[in-house]
Amino acid sequence: MKVCIALLADLEPFESFARMANALEVAKECQQNGDEVAIVFDGAGVKWPAALEDPEHKYHALYQSVKQSIAGVCKYCAAAFGVKNQIETLGLPLVGEFDDHPSLRKYLAEGYHVLTF
């Protein structure tokens, strides 16, 4: 199975924290079952990589376990939310196939199930 997980949730409020955790758990479950996984950080979700890189973050270990599946971070949103330099420093790809945003249609066309959180 091919799964694209788009995380759009902000760092706050607390329910957004739960969306992030659930997105990463789904990614982990899919990986463990041999699925092809692509994680895309978009919208306010572009703030998560820098937060999750902190070894003190509660979900740092989970993030590290799925990090190899990160397909990209929205180029436009990273600039708009002021985290573009952080994303570049982390070495994550900035993607902008459609108007400087990630193309979720691309994943649909390639047969991925697209899940948004």
PDB file of N, CA and C in Angstrom:
ATOM      1  N   MET A   1       0.849  -1.169   0.000  1.00  0.00           N
ATOM      2  CA  MET A   1       0.000   0.000   0.000  1.00  0.00           C
ATOM      3  C   MET A   1       0.897   1.235   0.000  1.00  0.00           C
ATOM      4  N   LYS A   2       0.421   2.299  -0.584  1.00  0.00           N
ATOM      5  CA  LYS A   2       1.133   3.571  -0.624  1.00  0.00           C
ATOM      6  C   LYS A   2       0.285   4.602   0.122  1.00  0.00           C
ATOM      7  N   VAL A   3       0.918   5.282   1.094  1.00  0.00           N
ATOM      8  CA  VAL A   3       0.198   6.224   1.942  1.00  0.00           C
ATOM      9  C   VAL A   3       0.953   7.545   2.014  1.00  0.00           C
ATOM     10  N   CYS A   4       0.258   8.626   1.748  1.00  0.00           N
ATOM     11  CA  CYS A   4       0.803   9.968   1.931  1.00  0.00           C
ATOM     12  C   CYS A   4       0.087  10.578   3.135  1.00  0.00           C
ATOM     13  N   ILE A   5       0.858  11.013   4.109  1.00  0.00           N
ATOM     14  CA  ILE A   5       0.302  11.620   5.318  1.00  0.00           C
ATOM     15  C   ILE A   5       0.652  13.093   5.301  1.00  0.00           C
ATOM     16  N   ALA A   6      -0.368  13.928   5.215  1.00  0.00           N
ATOM     17  CA  ALA A   6      -0.168  15.377   5.197  1.00  0.00           C
ATOM     18  C   ALA A   6      -0.521  15.924   6.577  1.00  0.00           C
ATOM     19  N   LEU A   7       0.455  16.518   7.236  1.00  0.00           N
ATOM     20  CA  LEU A   7       0.233  17.106   8.558  1.00  0.00           C
ATOM     21  C   LEU A   7       0.122  18.613   8.397  1.00  0.00           C
ATOM     22  N   LEU A   8      -1.072  19.126   8.681  1.00  0.00           N
ATOM     23  CA  LEU A   8      -1.351  20.546   8.544  1.00  0.00           C
ATOM     24  C   LEU A   8      -1.586  21.227   9.892  1.00  0.00           C
ATOM     25  N   ALA A   9      -1.662  20.448  10.963  1.00  0.00           N
ATOM     26  CA  ALA A   9      -1.989  20.971  12.285  1.00  0.00           C
ATOM     27  C   ALA A   9      -0.870  21.847  12.838  1.00  0.00           C
ATOM     28  N   ASP A  10      -1.263  22.914  13.512  1.00  0.00           N
ATOM     29  CA  ASP A  10      -0.336  23.840  14.160  1.00  0.00           C
ATOM     30  C   ASP A  10       0.192  23.229  15.458  1.00  0.00           C
ATOM     31  N   LEU A  11       1.103  23.910  16.108  1.00  0.00           N
ATOM     32  CA  LEU A  11       1.638  23.451  17.388  1.00  0.00           C
ATOM     33  C   LEU A  11       0.617  23.587  18.521  1.00  0.00           C
ATOM     34  N   GLU A  12      -0.278  24.522  18.412  1.00  0.00           N
ATOM     35  CA  GLU A  12      -1.321  24.776  19.400  1.00  0.00           C
ATOM     36  C   GLU A  12      -2.657  24.835  18.667  1.00  0.00           C
ATOM     37  N   PRO A  13      -3.773  24.574  19.285  1.00  0.00           N
ATOM     38  CA  PRO A  13      -4.012  24.163  20.667  1.00  0.00           C
ATOM     39  C   PRO A  13      -3.664  22.696  20.878  1.00  0.00           C
ATOM     40  N   PHE A  14      -3.984  22.193  22.061  1.00  0.00           N
ATOM     41  CA  PHE A  14      -3.586  20.849  22.445  1.00  0.00           C
ATOM     42  C   PHE A  14      -4.114  19.785  21.491  1.00  0.00           C
ATOM     43  N   GLU A  15      -5.308  19.982  20.931  1.00  0.00           N
ATOM     44  CA  GLU A  15      -5.847  18.982  19.995  1.00  0.00           C
ATOM     45  C   GLU A  15      -4.978  18.880  18.743  1.00  0.00           C
ATOM     46  N   SER A  16      -4.282  19.925  18.398  1.00  0.00           N
ATOM     47  CA  SER A  16      -3.355  19.868  17.270  1.00  0.00           C
ATOM     48  C   SER A  16      -2.167  18.969  17.591  1.00  0.00           C
ATOM     49  N   PHE A  17      -1.775  18.966  18.849  1.00  0.00           N
ATOM     50  CA  PHE A  17      -0.710  18.084  19.323  1.00  0.00           C
ATOM     51  C   PHE A  17      -1.119  16.631  19.081  1.00  0.00           C
ATOM     52  N   ALA A  18      -2.385  16.336  19.357  1.00  0.00           N
ATOM     53  CA  ALA A  18      -2.908  14.982  19.142  1.00  0.00           C
ATOM     54  C   ALA A  18      -2.921  14.627  17.658  1.00  0.00           C
ATOM     55  N   ARG A  19      -3.213  15.583  16.800  1.00  0.00           N
ATOM     56  CA  ARG A  19      -3.190  15.321  15.351  1.00  0.00           C
ATOM     57  C   ARG A  19      -1.788  14.938  14.897  1.00  0.00           C
ATOM     58  N   MET A  20      -0.787  15.669  15.408  1.00  0.00           N
ATOM     59  CA  MET A  20       0.595  15.349  15.063  1.00  0.00           C
ATOM     60  C   MET A  20       0.946  13.939  15.522  1.00  0.00           C
ATOM     61  N   ALA A  21       0.609  13.630  16.764  1.00  0.00           N
ATOM     62  CA  ALA A  21       0.936  12.313  17.313  1.00  0.00           C
ATOM     63  C   ALA A  21       0.261  11.206  16.510  1.00  0.00           C
ATOM     64  N   ASN A  22      -0.997  11.408  16.141  1.00  0.00           N
ATOM     65  CA  ASN A  22      -1.708  10.398  15.356  1.00  0.00           C
ATOM     66  C   ASN A  22      -1.126  10.259  13.955  1.00  0.00           C
ATOM     67  N   ALA A  23      -0.731  11.357  13.349  1.00  0.00           N
ATOM     68  CA  ALA A  23      -0.118  11.284  12.024  1.00  0.00           C
ATOM     69  C   ALA A  23       1.166  10.463  12.066  1.00  0.00           C
ATOM     70  N   LEU A  24       1.996  10.700  13.076  1.00  0.00           N
ATOM     71  CA  LEU A  24       3.255   9.962  13.182  1.00  0.00           C
ATOM     72  C   LEU A  24       3.014   8.497  13.527  1.00  0.00           C
ATOM     73  N   GLU A  25       2.008   8.219  14.336  1.00  0.00           N
ATOM     74  CA  GLU A  25       1.681   6.825  14.670  1.00  0.00           C
ATOM     75  C   GLU A  25       1.207   6.065  13.433  1.00  0.00           C
ATOM     76  N   VAL A  26       0.390   6.707  12.611  1.00  0.00           N
ATOM     77  CA  VAL A  26      -0.056   6.057  11.372  1.00  0.00           C
ATOM     78  C   VAL A  26       1.142   5.786  10.470  1.00  0.00           C
ATOM     79  N   ALA A  27       2.038   6.753  10.371  1.00  0.00           N
ATOM     80  CA  ALA A  27       3.241   6.566   9.552  1.00  0.00           C
ATOM     81  C   ALA A  27       4.056   5.381  10.060  1.00  0.00           C
ATOM     82  N   LYS A  28       4.224   5.297  11.361  1.00  0.00           N
ATOM     83  CA  LYS A  28       4.985   4.193  11.959  1.00  0.00           C
ATOM     84  C   LYS A  28       4.312   2.851  11.682  1.00  0.00           C
ATOM     85  N   GLU A  29       3.008   2.793  11.871  1.00  0.00           N
ATOM     86  CA  GLU A  29       2.270   1.547  11.615  1.00  0.00           C
ATOM     87  C   GLU A  29       2.410   1.121  10.159  1.00  0.00           C
ATOM     88  N   CYS A  30       2.271   2.068   9.255  1.00  0.00           N
ATOM     89  CA  CYS A  30       2.398   1.754   7.832  1.00  0.00           C
ATOM     90  C   CYS A  30       3.808   1.269   7.506  1.00  0.00           C
ATOM     91  N   GLN A  31       4.817   1.946   8.035  1.00  0.00           N
ATOM     92  CA  GLN A  31       6.204   1.521   7.807  1.00  0.00           C
ATOM     93  C   GLN A  31       6.419   0.100   8.294  1.00  0.00           C
ATOM     94  N   GLN A  32       5.930  -0.186   9.495  1.00  0.00           N
ATOM     95  CA  GLN A  32       6.134  -1.510  10.085  1.00  0.00           C
ATOM     96  C   GLN A  32       5.440  -2.613   9.293  1.00  0.00           C
ATOM     97  N   ASN A  33       4.466  -2.224   8.486  1.00  0.00           N
ATOM     98  CA  ASN A  33       3.754  -3.200   7.660  1.00  0.00           C
ATOM     99  C   ASN A  33       4.253  -3.209   6.225  1.00  0.00           C
ATOM    100  N   GLY A  34       5.375  -2.534   5.985  1.00  0.00           N
ATOM    101  CA  GLY A  34       5.995  -2.559   4.671  1.00  0.00           C
ATOM    102  C   GLY A  34       5.381  -1.640   3.638  1.00  0.00           C
ATOM    103  N   ASP A  35       4.551  -0.715   4.077  1.00  0.00           N
ATOM    104  CA  ASP A  35       3.925   0.215   3.140  1.00  0.00           C
ATOM    105  C   ASP A  35       4.907   1.305   2.716  1.00  0.00           C
ATOM    106  N   GLU A  36       4.654   1.863   1.558  1.00  0.00           N
ATOM    107  CA  GLU A  36       5.424   3.010   1.080  1.00  0.00           C
ATOM    108  C   GLU A  36       4.783   4.250   1.691  1.00  0.00           C
ATOM    109  N   VAL A  37       5.560   5.020   2.456  1.00  0.00           N
ATOM    110  CA  VAL A  37       5.022   6.147   3.214  1.00  0.00           C
ATOM    111  C   VAL A  37       5.701   7.443   2.793  1.00  0.00           C
ATOM    112  N   ALA A  38       4.893   8.479   2.613  1.00  0.00           N
ATOM    113  CA  ALA A  38       5.400   9.819   2.329  1.00  0.00           C
ATOM    114  C   ALA A  38       4.732  10.784   3.314  1.00  0.00           C
ATOM    115  N   ILE A  39       5.545  11.436   4.129  1.00  0.00           N
ATOM    116  CA  ILE A  39       5.023  12.422   5.076  1.00  0.00           C
ATOM    117  C   ILE A  39       5.290  13.807   4.512  1.00  0.00           C
ATOM    118  N   VAL A  40       4.232  14.622   4.493  1.00  0.00           N
ATOM    119  CA  VAL A  40       4.336  15.991   3.985  1.00  0.00           C
ATOM    120  C   VAL A  40       3.867  16.946   5.080  1.00  0.00           C
ATOM    121  N   PHE A  41       4.715  17.900   5.420  1.00  0.00           N
ATOM    122  CA  PHE A  41       4.343  18.947   6.372  1.00  0.00           C
ATOM    123  C   PHE A  41       3.879  20.149   5.561  1.00  0.00           C
ATOM    124  N   ASP A  42       2.651  20.592   5.810  1.00  0.00           N
ATOM    125  CA  ASP A  42       2.048  21.669   5.025  1.00  0.00           C
ATOM    126  C   ASP A  42       1.293  22.595   5.966  1.00  0.00           C
ATOM    127  N   GLY A  43       0.924  23.772   5.474  1.00  0.00           N
ATOM    128  CA  GLY A  43       0.200  24.719   6.317  1.00  0.00           C
ATOM    129  C   GLY A  43       0.999  24.994   7.588  1.00  0.00           C
ATOM    130  N   ALA A  44       0.284  25.167   8.695  1.00  0.00           N
ATOM    131  CA  ALA A  44       0.946  25.421   9.971  1.00  0.00           C
ATOM    132  C   ALA A  44       1.756  24.210  10.443  1.00  0.00           C
ATOM    133  N   GLY A  45       1.534  23.059   9.828  1.00  0.00           N
ATOM    134  CA  GLY A  45       2.282  21.856  10.169  1.00  0.00           C
ATOM    135  C   GLY A  45       3.776  21.966   9.894  1.00  0.00           C
ATOM    136  N   VAL A  46       4.175  22.978   9.121  1.00  0.00           N
ATOM    137  CA  VAL A  46       5.607  23.156   8.828  1.00  0.00           C
ATOM    138  C   VAL A  46       6.417  23.498  10.081  1.00  0.00           C
ATOM    139  N   LYS A  47       5.730  23.855  11.152  1.00  0.00           N
ATOM    140  CA  LYS A  47       6.419  24.187  12.403  1.00  0.00           C
ATOM    141  C   LYS A  47       6.876  22.938  13.166  1.00  0.00           C
ATOM    142  N   TRP A  48       6.272  21.786  12.871  1.00  0.00           N
ATOM    143  CA  TRP A  48       6.540  20.587  13.647  1.00  0.00           C
ATOM    144  C   TRP A  48       7.965  20.033  13.542  1.00  0.00           C
ATOM    145  N   PRO A  49       8.586  19.970  12.377  1.00  0.00           N
ATOM    146  CA  PRO A  49       9.910  19.344  12.333  1.00  0.00           C
ATOM    147  C   PRO A  49      10.911  19.935  13.319  1.00  0.00           C
ATOM    148  N   ALA A  50      10.997  21.244  13.393  1.00  0.00           N
ATOM    149  CA  ALA A  50      11.948  21.870  14.314  1.00  0.00           C
ATOM    150  C   ALA A  50      11.604  21.533  15.765  1.00  0.00           C
ATOM    151  N   ALA A  51      10.326  21.536  16.092  1.00  0.00           N
ATOM    152  CA  ALA A  51       9.917  21.207  17.463  1.00  0.00           C
ATOM    153  C   ALA A  51      10.248  19.761  17.796  1.00  0.00           C
ATOM    154  N   LEU A  52      10.015  18.859  16.844  1.00  0.00           N
ATOM    155  CA  LEU A  52      10.214  17.429  17.081  1.00  0.00           C
ATOM    156  C   LEU A  52      11.681  17.015  17.060  1.00  0.00           C
ATOM    157  N   GLU A  53      12.542  17.838  16.511  1.00  0.00           N
ATOM    158  CA  GLU A  53      13.984  17.554  16.516  1.00  0.00           C
ATOM    159  C   GLU A  53      14.585  17.713  17.915  1.00  0.00           C
ATOM    160  N   ASP A  54      13.895  18.412  18.793  1.00  0.00           N
ATOM    161  CA  ASP A  54      14.378  18.604  20.157  1.00  0.00           C
ATOM    162  C   ASP A  54      14.347  17.269  20.895  1.00  0.00           C
ATOM    163  N   PRO A  55      15.505  16.768  21.342  1.00  0.00           N
ATOM    164  CA  PRO A  55      15.548  15.480  22.039  1.00  0.00           C
ATOM    165  C   PRO A  55      14.682  15.430  23.299  1.00  0.00           C
ATOM    166  N   GLU A  56      14.325  16.576  23.845  1.00  0.00           N
ATOM    167  CA  GLU A  56      13.483  16.634  25.040  1.00  0.00           C
ATOM    168  C   GLU A  56      11.995  16.550  24.716  1.00  0.00           C
ATOM    169  N   HIS A  57      11.639  16.667  23.431  1.00  0.00           N
ATOM    170  CA  HIS A  57      10.223  16.620  23.051  1.00  0.00           C
ATOM    171  C   HIS A  57       9.665  15.226  23.310  1.00  0.00           C
ATOM    172  N   LYS A  58       8.473  15.177  23.843  1.00  0.00           N
ATOM    173  CA  LYS A  58       7.814  13.908  24.183  1.00  0.00           C
ATOM    174  C   LYS A  58       7.760  12.941  22.997  1.00  0.00           C
ATOM    175  N   TYR A  59       7.620  13.460  21.774  1.00  0.00           N
ATOM    176  CA  TYR A  59       7.480  12.614  20.588  1.00  0.00           C
ATOM    177  C   TYR A  59       8.730  12.601  19.705  1.00  0.00           C
ATOM    178  N   HIS A  60       9.851  13.005  20.264  1.00  0.00           N
ATOM    179  CA  HIS A  60      11.108  13.010  19.497  1.00  0.00           C
ATOM    180  C   HIS A  60      11.443  11.613  18.969  1.00  0.00           C
ATOM    181  N   ALA A  61      11.359  10.610  19.800  1.00  0.00           N
ATOM    182  CA  ALA A  61      11.715   9.242  19.382  1.00  0.00           C
ATOM    183  C   ALA A  61      10.780   8.738  18.285  1.00  0.00           C
ATOM    184  N   LEU A  62       9.497   9.016  18.417  1.00  0.00           N
ATOM    185  CA  LEU A  62       8.545   8.614  17.375  1.00  0.00           C
ATOM    186  C   LEU A  62       8.873   9.323  16.067  1.00  0.00           C
ATOM    187  N   TYR A  63       9.140  10.615  16.144  1.00  0.00           N
ATOM    188  CA  TYR A  63       9.517  11.396  14.963  1.00  0.00           C
ATOM    189  C   TYR A  63      10.756  10.792  14.299  1.00  0.00           C
ATOM    190  N   GLN A  64      11.765  10.474  15.105  1.00  0.00           N
ATOM    191  CA  GLN A  64      12.988   9.897  14.563  1.00  0.00           C
ATOM    192  C   GLN A  64      12.706   8.565  13.864  1.00  0.00           C
ATOM    193  N   SER A  65      11.749   7.807  14.384  1.00  0.00           N
ATOM    194  CA  SER A  65      11.446   6.495  13.800  1.00  0.00           C
ATOM    195  C   SER A  65      10.782   6.582  12.435  1.00  0.00           C
ATOM    196  N   VAL A  66      10.195   7.734  12.110  1.00  0.00           N
ATOM    197  CA  VAL A  66       9.522   7.886  10.807  1.00  0.00           C
ATOM    198  C   VAL A  66      10.179   8.948   9.929  1.00  0.00           C
ATOM    199  N   LYS A  67      11.224   9.565  10.433  1.00  0.00           N
ATOM    200  CA  LYS A  67      11.867  10.685   9.730  1.00  0.00           C
ATOM    201  C   LYS A  67      12.287  10.332   8.305  1.00  0.00           C
ATOM    202  N   GLN A  68      12.720   9.093   8.072  1.00  0.00           N
ATOM    203  CA  GLN A  68      13.156   8.705   6.727  1.00  0.00           C
ATOM    204  C   GLN A  68      12.012   8.749   5.716  1.00  0.00           C
ATOM    205  N   SER A  69      10.773   8.837   6.191  1.00  0.00           N
ATOM    206  CA  SER A  69       9.621   8.895   5.288  1.00  0.00           C
ATOM    207  C   SER A  69       9.181  10.322   4.976  1.00  0.00           C
ATOM    208  N   ILE A  70       9.896  11.316   5.503  1.00  0.00           N
ATOM    209  CA  ILE A  70       9.511  12.700   5.209  1.00  0.00           C
ATOM    210  C   ILE A  70       9.809  13.003   3.753  1.00  0.00           C
ATOM    211  N   ALA A  71       8.749  13.265   2.998  1.00  0.00           N
ATOM    212  CA  ALA A  71       8.878  13.570   1.577  1.00  0.00           C
ATOM    213  C   ALA A  71       9.145  15.056   1.358  1.00  0.00           C
ATOM    214  N   GLY A  72       8.730  15.877   2.315  1.00  0.00           N
ATOM    215  CA  GLY A  72       8.993  17.295   2.159  1.00  0.00           C
ATOM    216  C   GLY A  72       8.180  18.185   3.068  1.00  0.00           C
ATOM    217  N   VAL A  73       8.575  19.446   3.039  1.00  0.00           N
ATOM    218  CA  VAL A  73       7.949  20.509   3.805  1.00  0.00           C
ATOM    219  C   VAL A  73       7.543  21.587   2.802  1.00  0.00           C
ATOM    220  N   CYS A  74       6.335  22.085   2.928  1.00  0.00           N
ATOM    221  CA  CYS A  74       5.836  23.089   1.989  1.00  0.00           C
ATOM    222  C   CYS A  74       6.757  24.313   1.944  1.00  0.00           C
ATOM    223  N   LYS A  75       7.252  24.578   0.757  1.00  0.00           N
ATOM    224  CA  LYS A  75       8.167  25.698   0.530  1.00  0.00           C
ATOM    225  C   LYS A  75       7.491  27.040   0.865  1.00  0.00           C
ATOM    226  N   TYR A  76       6.269  27.221   0.381  1.00  0.00           N
ATOM    227  CA  TYR A  76       5.547  28.475   0.605  1.00  0.00           C
ATOM    228  C   TYR A  76       5.248  28.674   2.089  1.00  0.00           C
ATOM    229  N   CYS A  77       4.705  27.640   2.714  1.00  0.00           N
ATOM    230  CA  CYS A  77       4.292  27.757   4.114  1.00  0.00           C
ATOM    231  C   CYS A  77       5.483  27.907   5.052  1.00  0.00           C
ATOM    232  N   ALA A  78       6.592  27.257   4.741  1.00  0.00           N
ATOM    233  CA  ALA A  78       7.792  27.403   5.567  1.00  0.00           C
ATOM    234  C   ALA A  78       8.234  28.864   5.593  1.00  0.00           C
ATOM    235  N   ALA A  79       8.170  29.522   4.443  1.00  0.00           N
ATOM    236  CA  ALA A  79       8.520  30.944   4.389  1.00  0.00           C
ATOM    237  C   ALA A  79       7.466  31.780   5.113  1.00  0.00           C
ATOM    238  N   ALA A  80       6.194  31.481   4.876  1.00  0.00           N
ATOM    239  CA  ALA A  80       5.112  32.254   5.478  1.00  0.00           C
ATOM    240  C   ALA A  80       5.104  32.151   7.003  1.00  0.00           C
ATOM    241  N   PHE A  81       5.449  30.985   7.536  1.00  0.00           N
ATOM    242  CA  PHE A  81       5.457  30.791   8.983  1.00  0.00           C
ATOM    243  C   PHE A  81       6.836  31.038   9.604  1.00  0.00           C
ATOM    244  N   GLY A  82       7.789  31.516   8.802  1.00  0.00           N
ATOM    245  CA  GLY A  82       9.091  31.915   9.313  1.00  0.00           C
ATOM    246  C   GLY A  82      10.000  30.781   9.757  1.00  0.00           C
ATOM    247  N   VAL A  83       9.826  29.584   9.167  1.00  0.00           N
ATOM    248  CA  VAL A  83      10.663  28.448   9.568  1.00  0.00           C
ATOM    249  C   VAL A  83      11.521  27.906   8.424  1.00  0.00           C
ATOM    250  N   LYS A  84      11.566  28.610   7.310  1.00  0.00           N
ATOM    251  CA  LYS A  84      12.302  28.124   6.144  1.00  0.00           C
ATOM    252  C   LYS A  84      13.769  27.840   6.474  1.00  0.00           C
ATOM    253  N   ASN A  85      14.431  28.752   7.178  1.00  0.00           N
ATOM    254  CA  ASN A  85      15.844  28.551   7.525  1.00  0.00           C
ATOM    255  C   ASN A  85      16.012  27.338   8.430  1.00  0.00           C
ATOM    256  N   GLN A  86      15.099  27.138   9.363  1.00  0.00           N
ATOM    257  CA  GLN A  86      15.169  25.977  10.250  1.00  0.00           C
ATOM    258  C   GLN A  86      15.044  24.680   9.447  1.00  0.00           C
ATOM    259  N   ILE A  87      14.113  24.650   8.505  1.00  0.00           N
ATOM    260  CA  ILE A  87      13.888  23.458   7.682  1.00  0.00           C
ATOM    261  C   ILE A  87      15.139  23.160   6.859  1.00  0.00           C
ATOM    262  N   GLU A  88      15.733  24.205   6.283  1.00  0.00           N
ATOM    263  CA  GLU A  88      16.961  24.027   5.504  1.00  0.00           C
ATOM    264  C   GLU A  88      18.094  23.512   6.394  1.00  0.00           C
ATOM    265  N   THR A  89      18.215  24.057   7.597  1.00  0.00           N
ATOM    266  CA  THR A  89      19.248  23.622   8.534  1.00  0.00           C
ATOM    267  C   THR A  89      19.062  22.149   8.908  1.00  0.00           C
ATOM    268  N   LEU A  90      17.806  21.715   9.023  1.00  0.00           N
ATOM    269  CA  LEU A  90      17.516  20.319   9.349  1.00  0.00           C
ATOM    270  C   LEU A  90      17.785  19.394   8.162  1.00  0.00           C
ATOM    271  N   GLY A  91      17.961  19.978   6.984  1.00  0.00           N
ATOM    272  CA  GLY A  91      18.234  19.176   5.793  1.00  0.00           C
ATOM    273  C   GLY A  91      17.004  18.515   5.200  1.00  0.00           C
ATOM    274  N   LEU A  92      15.836  19.018   5.550  1.00  0.00           N
ATOM    275  CA  LEU A  92      14.602  18.467   4.987  1.00  0.00           C
ATOM    276  C   LEU A  92      14.288  19.148   3.663  1.00  0.00           C
ATOM    277  N   PRO A  93      13.732  18.407   2.716  1.00  0.00           N
ATOM    278  CA  PRO A  93      13.439  19.018   1.410  1.00  0.00           C
ATOM    279  C   PRO A  93      12.258  19.978   1.479  1.00  0.00           C
ATOM    280  N   LEU A  94      12.454  21.143   0.897  1.00  0.00           N
ATOM    281  CA  LEU A  94      11.351  22.082   0.706  1.00  0.00           C
ATOM    282  C   LEU A  94      10.727  21.746  -0.644  1.00  0.00           C
ATOM    283  N   VAL A  95       9.417  21.531  -0.655  1.00  0.00           N
ATOM    284  CA  VAL A  95       8.746  21.141  -1.890  1.00  0.00           C
ATOM    285  C   VAL A  95       7.695  22.166  -2.275  1.00  0.00           C
ATOM    286  N   GLY A  96       7.541  22.347  -3.566  1.00  0.00           N
ATOM    287  CA  GLY A  96       6.583  23.327  -4.060  1.00  0.00           C
ATOM    288  C   GLY A  96       6.218  23.057  -5.498  1.00  0.00           C
ATOM    289  N   GLU A  97       5.734  21.856  -5.763  1.00  0.00           N
ATOM    290  CA  GLU A  97       5.427  21.462  -7.143  1.00  0.00           C
ATOM    291  C   GLU A  97       4.253  22.231  -7.755  1.00  0.00           C
ATOM    292  N   PHE A  98       3.368  22.777  -6.924  1.00  0.00           N
ATOM    293  CA  PHE A  98       2.202  23.502  -7.439  1.00  0.00           C
ATOM    294  C   PHE A  98       2.080  24.831  -6.702  1.00  0.00           C
ATOM    295  N   ASP A  99       2.410  25.900  -7.380  1.00  0.00           N
ATOM    296  CA  ASP A  99       2.356  27.242  -6.779  1.00  0.00           C
ATOM    297  C   ASP A  99       3.135  27.317  -5.469  1.00  0.00           C
ATOM    298  N   ASP A 100       4.287  26.683  -5.425  1.00  0.00           N
ATOM    299  CA  ASP A 100       5.168  26.627  -4.255  1.00  0.00           C
ATOM    300  C   ASP A 100       4.592  25.829  -3.086  1.00  0.00           C
ATOM    301  N   HIS A 101       3.546  25.049  -3.333  1.00  0.00           N
ATOM    302  CA  HIS A 101       2.968  24.150  -2.341  1.00  0.00           C
ATOM    303  C   HIS A 101       3.197  22.708  -2.802  1.00  0.00           C
ATOM    304  N   PRO A 102       3.203  21.753  -1.862  1.00  0.00           N
ATOM    305  CA  PRO A 102       3.323  20.351  -2.273  1.00  0.00           C
ATOM    306  C   PRO A 102       2.099  19.940  -3.089  1.00  0.00           C
ATOM    307  N   SER A 103       2.302  19.110  -4.062  1.00  0.00           N
ATOM    308  CA  SER A 103       1.194  18.613  -4.866  1.00  0.00           C
ATOM    309  C   SER A 103       0.665  17.316  -4.266  1.00  0.00           C
ATOM    310  N   LEU A 104      -0.455  17.403  -3.565  1.00  0.00           N
ATOM    311  CA  LEU A 104      -1.082  16.183  -3.064  1.00  0.00           C
ATOM    312  C   LEU A 104      -1.724  15.421  -4.220  1.00  0.00           C
ATOM    313  N   ARG A 105      -2.073  16.139  -5.281  1.00  0.00           N
ATOM    314  CA  ARG A 105      -2.607  15.476  -6.462  1.00  0.00           C
ATOM    315  C   ARG A 105      -1.584  14.507  -7.047  1.00  0.00           C
ATOM    316  N   LYS A 106      -0.323  14.885  -6.987  1.00  0.00           N
ATOM    317  CA  LYS A 106       0.756  14.019  -7.471  1.00  0.00           C
ATOM    318  C   LYS A 106       0.694  12.665  -6.769  1.00  0.00           C
ATOM    319  N   TYR A 107       0.476  12.696  -5.469  1.00  0.00           N
ATOM    320  CA  TYR A 107       0.388  11.440  -4.722  1.00  0.00           C
ATOM    321  C   TYR A 107      -0.853  10.645  -5.117  1.00  0.00           C
ATOM    322  N   LEU A 108      -1.959  11.318  -5.316  1.00  0.00           N
ATOM    323  CA  LEU A 108      -3.175  10.634  -5.764  1.00  0.00           C
ATOM    324  C   LEU A 108      -2.948   9.985  -7.124  1.00  0.00           C
ATOM    325  N   ALA A 109      -2.298  10.721  -8.025  1.00  0.00           N
ATOM    326  CA  ALA A 109      -2.039  10.195  -9.372  1.00  0.00           C
ATOM    327  C   ALA A 109      -1.098   8.987  -9.328  1.00  0.00           C
ATOM    328  N   GLU A 110      -0.248   8.919  -8.301  1.00  0.00           N
ATOM    329  CA  GLU A 110       0.684   7.801  -8.162  1.00  0.00           C
ATOM    330  C   GLU A 110       0.104   6.643  -7.343  1.00  0.00           C
ATOM    331  N   GLY A 111      -1.201   6.749  -7.028  1.00  0.00           N
ATOM    332  CA  GLY A 111      -1.884   5.650  -6.342  1.00  0.00           C
ATOM    333  C   GLY A 111      -1.782   5.664  -4.828  1.00  0.00           C
ATOM    334  N   TYR A 112      -1.368   6.774  -4.254  1.00  0.00           N
ATOM    335  CA  TYR A 112      -1.295   6.876  -2.796  1.00  0.00           C
ATOM    336  C   TYR A 112      -2.678   7.145  -2.208  1.00  0.00           C
ATOM    337  N   HIS A 113      -2.900   6.636  -1.013  1.00  0.00           N
ATOM    338  CA  HIS A 113      -4.024   7.057  -0.191  1.00  0.00           C
ATOM    339  C   HIS A 113      -3.515   8.293   0.539  1.00  0.00           C
ATOM    340  N   VAL A 114      -4.232   9.400   0.465  1.00  0.00           N
ATOM    341  CA  VAL A 114      -3.789  10.634   1.118  1.00  0.00           C
ATOM    342  C   VAL A 114      -4.616  10.845   2.390  1.00  0.00           C
ATOM    343  N   LEU A 115      -3.917  10.898   3.512  1.00  0.00           N
ATOM    344  CA  LEU A 115      -4.539  11.138   4.812  1.00  0.00           C
ATOM    345  C   LEU A 115      -4.108  12.516   5.286  1.00  0.00           C
ATOM    346  N   THR A 116      -5.051  13.302   5.756  1.00  0.00           N
ATOM    347  CA  THR A 116      -4.705  14.641   6.268  1.00  0.00           C
ATOM    348  C   THR A 116      -5.005  14.714   7.756  1.00  0.00           C
ATOM    349  N   PHE A 117      -4.080  15.324   8.452  1.00  0.00           N
ATOM    350  CA  PHE A 117      -4.224  15.531   9.895  1.00  0.00           C
ATOM    351  C   PHE A 117      -4.005  16.997  10.190  1.00  0.00           C
TER     352      PHE A 117
END
